[in-house]
C-alpha atoms as a PDB file:
ATOM      1  CA  MET A   1     -25.097   4.787  -3.482  1.00  0.00           C
ATOM      2  CA  ASP A   2     -24.710   2.619  -6.695  1.00  0.00           C
ATOM      3  CA  TRP A   3     -23.136  -0.795  -6.915  1.00  0.00           C
ATOM      4  CA  ALA A   4     -19.962   0.409  -8.404  1.00  0.00           C
ATOM      5  CA  SER A   5     -19.253   2.665  -5.524  1.00  0.00           C
ATOM      6  CA  ILE A   6     -20.086  -0.044  -2.911  1.00  0.00           C
ATOM      7  CA  VAL A   7     -17.728  -2.420  -4.780  1.00  0.00           C
ATOM      8  CA  GLY A   8     -15.101   0.342  -4.767  1.00  0.00           C
ATOM      9  CA  TYR A   9     -15.414   0.989  -0.961  1.00  0.00           C
ATOM     10  CA  MET A  10     -15.285  -2.745  -0.338  1.00  0.00           C
ATOM     11  CA  ALA A  11     -12.097  -3.010  -2.451  1.00  0.00           C
ATOM     12  CA  SER A  12     -10.608  -0.084  -0.636  1.00  0.00           C
ATOM     13  CA  ILE A  13     -11.194  -1.788   2.756  1.00  0.00           C
ATOM     14  CA  CYS A  14      -9.643  -5.101   1.470  1.00  0.00           C
ATOM     15  CA  MET A  15      -6.640  -3.181   0.133  1.00  0.00           C
ATOM     16  CA  ILE A  16      -5.945  -1.341   3.377  1.00  0.00           C
ATOM     17  CA  CYS A  17      -6.441  -4.511   5.471  1.00  0.00           C
ATOM     18  CA  GLY A  18      -3.922  -6.275   3.285  1.00  0.00           C
ATOM     19  CA  TYR A  19      -1.175  -3.690   3.716  1.00  0.00           C
ATOM     20  CA  LEU A  20      -1.712  -2.134   7.095  1.00  0.00           C
ATOM     21  CA  PRO A  21      -0.974  -5.081   9.276  1.00  0.00           C
ATOM     22  CA  GLN A  22       2.419  -5.643   7.507  1.00  0.00           C
ATOM     23  CA  ALA A  23       3.399  -2.100   7.804  1.00  0.00           C
ATOM     24  CA  VAL A  24       2.499  -2.023  11.528  1.00  0.00           C
ATOM     25  CA  GLN A  25       4.410  -5.188  12.197  1.00  0.00           C
ATOM     26  CA  THR A  26       7.423  -3.976  10.249  1.00  0.00           C
ATOM     27  CA  ILE A  27       7.338  -0.735  12.238  1.00  0.00           C
ATOM     28  CA  ARG A  28       7.072  -2.506  15.549  1.00  0.00           C
ATOM     29  CA  THR A  29       9.622  -5.277  15.062  1.00  0.00           C
ATOM     30  CA  GLY A  30      11.876  -3.718  12.441  1.00  0.00           C
ATOM     31  CA  ASP A  31      12.028  -7.305  10.979  1.00  0.00           C
ATOM     32  CA  THR A  32      12.094  -7.309   7.159  1.00  0.00           C
ATOM     33  CA  ASP A  33      13.895 -10.582   6.491  1.00  0.00           C
ATOM     34  CA  GLY A  34      10.892 -12.242   4.956  1.00  0.00           C
ATOM     35  CA  ILE A  35       9.999  -9.221   2.781  1.00  0.00           C
ATOM     36  CA  ALA A  36      10.809  -9.320  -0.952  1.00  0.00           C
ATOM     37  CA  MET A  37      11.784  -5.913  -1.979  1.00  0.00           C
ATOM     38  CA  PRO A  38      10.838  -6.353  -5.742  1.00  0.00           C
ATOM     39  CA  THR A  39       7.354  -7.325  -4.667  1.00  0.00           C
ATOM     40  CA  PHE A  40       6.854  -4.120  -2.485  1.00  0.00           C
ATOM     41  CA  LEU A  41       8.415  -1.821  -5.101  1.00  0.00           C
ATOM     42  CA  ALA A  42       5.960  -3.247  -7.704  1.00  0.00           C
ATOM     43  CA  LEU A  43       2.954  -3.079  -5.423  1.00  0.00           C
ATOM     44  CA  GLY A  44       3.917   0.511  -4.377  1.00  0.00           C
ATOM     45  CA  ALA A  45       4.309   1.614  -7.901  1.00  0.00           C
ATOM     46  CA  GLY A  46       0.825  -0.015  -8.779  1.00  0.00           C
ATOM     47  CA  SER A  47      -0.643   1.940  -5.924  1.00  0.00           C
ATOM     48  CA  VAL A  48       0.922   5.259  -7.079  1.00  0.00           C
ATOM     49  CA  LEU A  49      -0.546   4.697 -10.550  1.00  0.00           C
ATOM     50  CA  PHE A  50      -3.949   3.787  -9.078  1.00  0.00           C
ATOM     51  CA  VAL A  51      -3.944   7.031  -7.075  1.00  0.00           C
ATOM     52  CA  VAL A  52      -3.269   8.963 -10.245  1.00  0.00           C
ATOM     53  CA  GLN A  53      -6.097   7.070 -12.074  1.00  0.00           C
ATOM     54  CA  GLY A  54      -8.448   7.788  -9.220  1.00  0.00           C
ATOM     55  CA  ILE A  55      -7.611  11.519  -9.406  1.00  0.00           C
ATOM     56  CA  LEU A  56      -8.221  11.498 -13.239  1.00  0.00           C
ATOM     57  CA  ILE A  57     -11.554   9.816 -13.012  1.00  0.00           C
ATOM     58  CA  ASN A  58     -12.545  11.520  -9.660  1.00  0.00           C
ATOM     59  CA  ASN A  59     -12.893   8.261  -7.772  1.00  0.00           C
ATOM     60  CA  ILE A  60     -12.461   8.864  -4.003  1.00  0.00           C
ATOM     61  CA  PRO A  61     -12.226   5.271  -2.932  1.00  0.00           C
ATOM     62  CA  ILE A  62      -9.409   4.536  -5.300  1.00  0.00           C
ATOM     63  CA  VAL A  63      -7.578   7.563  -4.430  1.00  0.00           C
ATOM     64  CA  LEU A  64      -7.906   6.997  -0.475  1.00  0.00           C
ATOM     65  CA  ALA A  65      -7.207   3.214  -0.519  1.00  0.00           C
ATOM     66  CA  ASN A  66      -4.190   3.547  -2.819  1.00  0.00           C
ATOM     67  CA  SER A  67      -2.799   6.539  -0.945  1.00  0.00           C
ATOM     68  CA  ILE A  68      -2.752   4.510   2.204  1.00  0.00           C
ATOM     69  CA  THR A  69      -1.229   1.457   0.471  1.00  0.00           C
ATOM     70  CA  THR A  70       1.353   3.651  -1.131  1.00  0.00           C
ATOM     71  CA  ILE A  71       2.423   4.976   2.237  1.00  0.00           C
ATOM     72  CA  CYS A  72       2.408   1.509   3.729  1.00  0.00           C
ATOM     73  CA  SER A  73       4.584   0.256   0.809  1.00  0.00           C
ATOM     74  CA  ALA A  74       6.946   3.152   1.358  1.00  0.00           C
ATOM     75  CA  ILE A  75       7.349   2.689   4.972  1.00  0.00           C
ATOM     76  CA  ILE A  76       8.077  -1.036   4.534  1.00  0.00           C
ATOM     77  CA  ALA A  77      10.510  -0.278   1.649  1.00  0.00           C
ATOM     78  CA  ILE A  78      12.365   2.296   3.743  1.00  0.00           C
ATOM     79  CA  ILE A  79      12.845   0.008   6.620  1.00  0.00           C
ATOM     80  CA  LYS A  80      13.801  -2.945   4.314  1.00  0.00           C
ATOM     81  CA  ILE A  81      16.435  -0.709   2.665  1.00  0.00           C
ATOM     82  CA  ARG A  82      17.755   0.487   5.976  1.00  0.00           C
ATOM     83  CA  ASN A  83      17.954  -3.105   7.326  1.00  0.00           C
ATOM     84  CA  ASP A  84      19.651  -4.463   4.209  1.00  0.00           C
ATOM     85  CA  HIS A  85      22.323  -1.869   4.370  1.00  0.00           C
ATOM     86  CA  ARG A  86      23.160  -2.697   7.964  1.00  0.00           C
ATOM     87  CA  HIS A  87      23.755  -6.287   7.191  1.00  0.00           C
END
């Protein structure tokens, strides 16, 4: 395995570790008061674009990590929208 792949896998792990705890906490508690919707929409859009890039350049770490972060962003955004409409 070359250094570029190792760095890619390490970055993937960091990205997932950054998003997953927030998604799990949001699902468990339903609390979205401290979440800024524009931030999660921008990060989610960036993740989608990285998935596309990963597919185009055939880079599995980019595709996997950003697919997971896209799903996490979508879950958080959906719960946030639902909560904001209730208040």
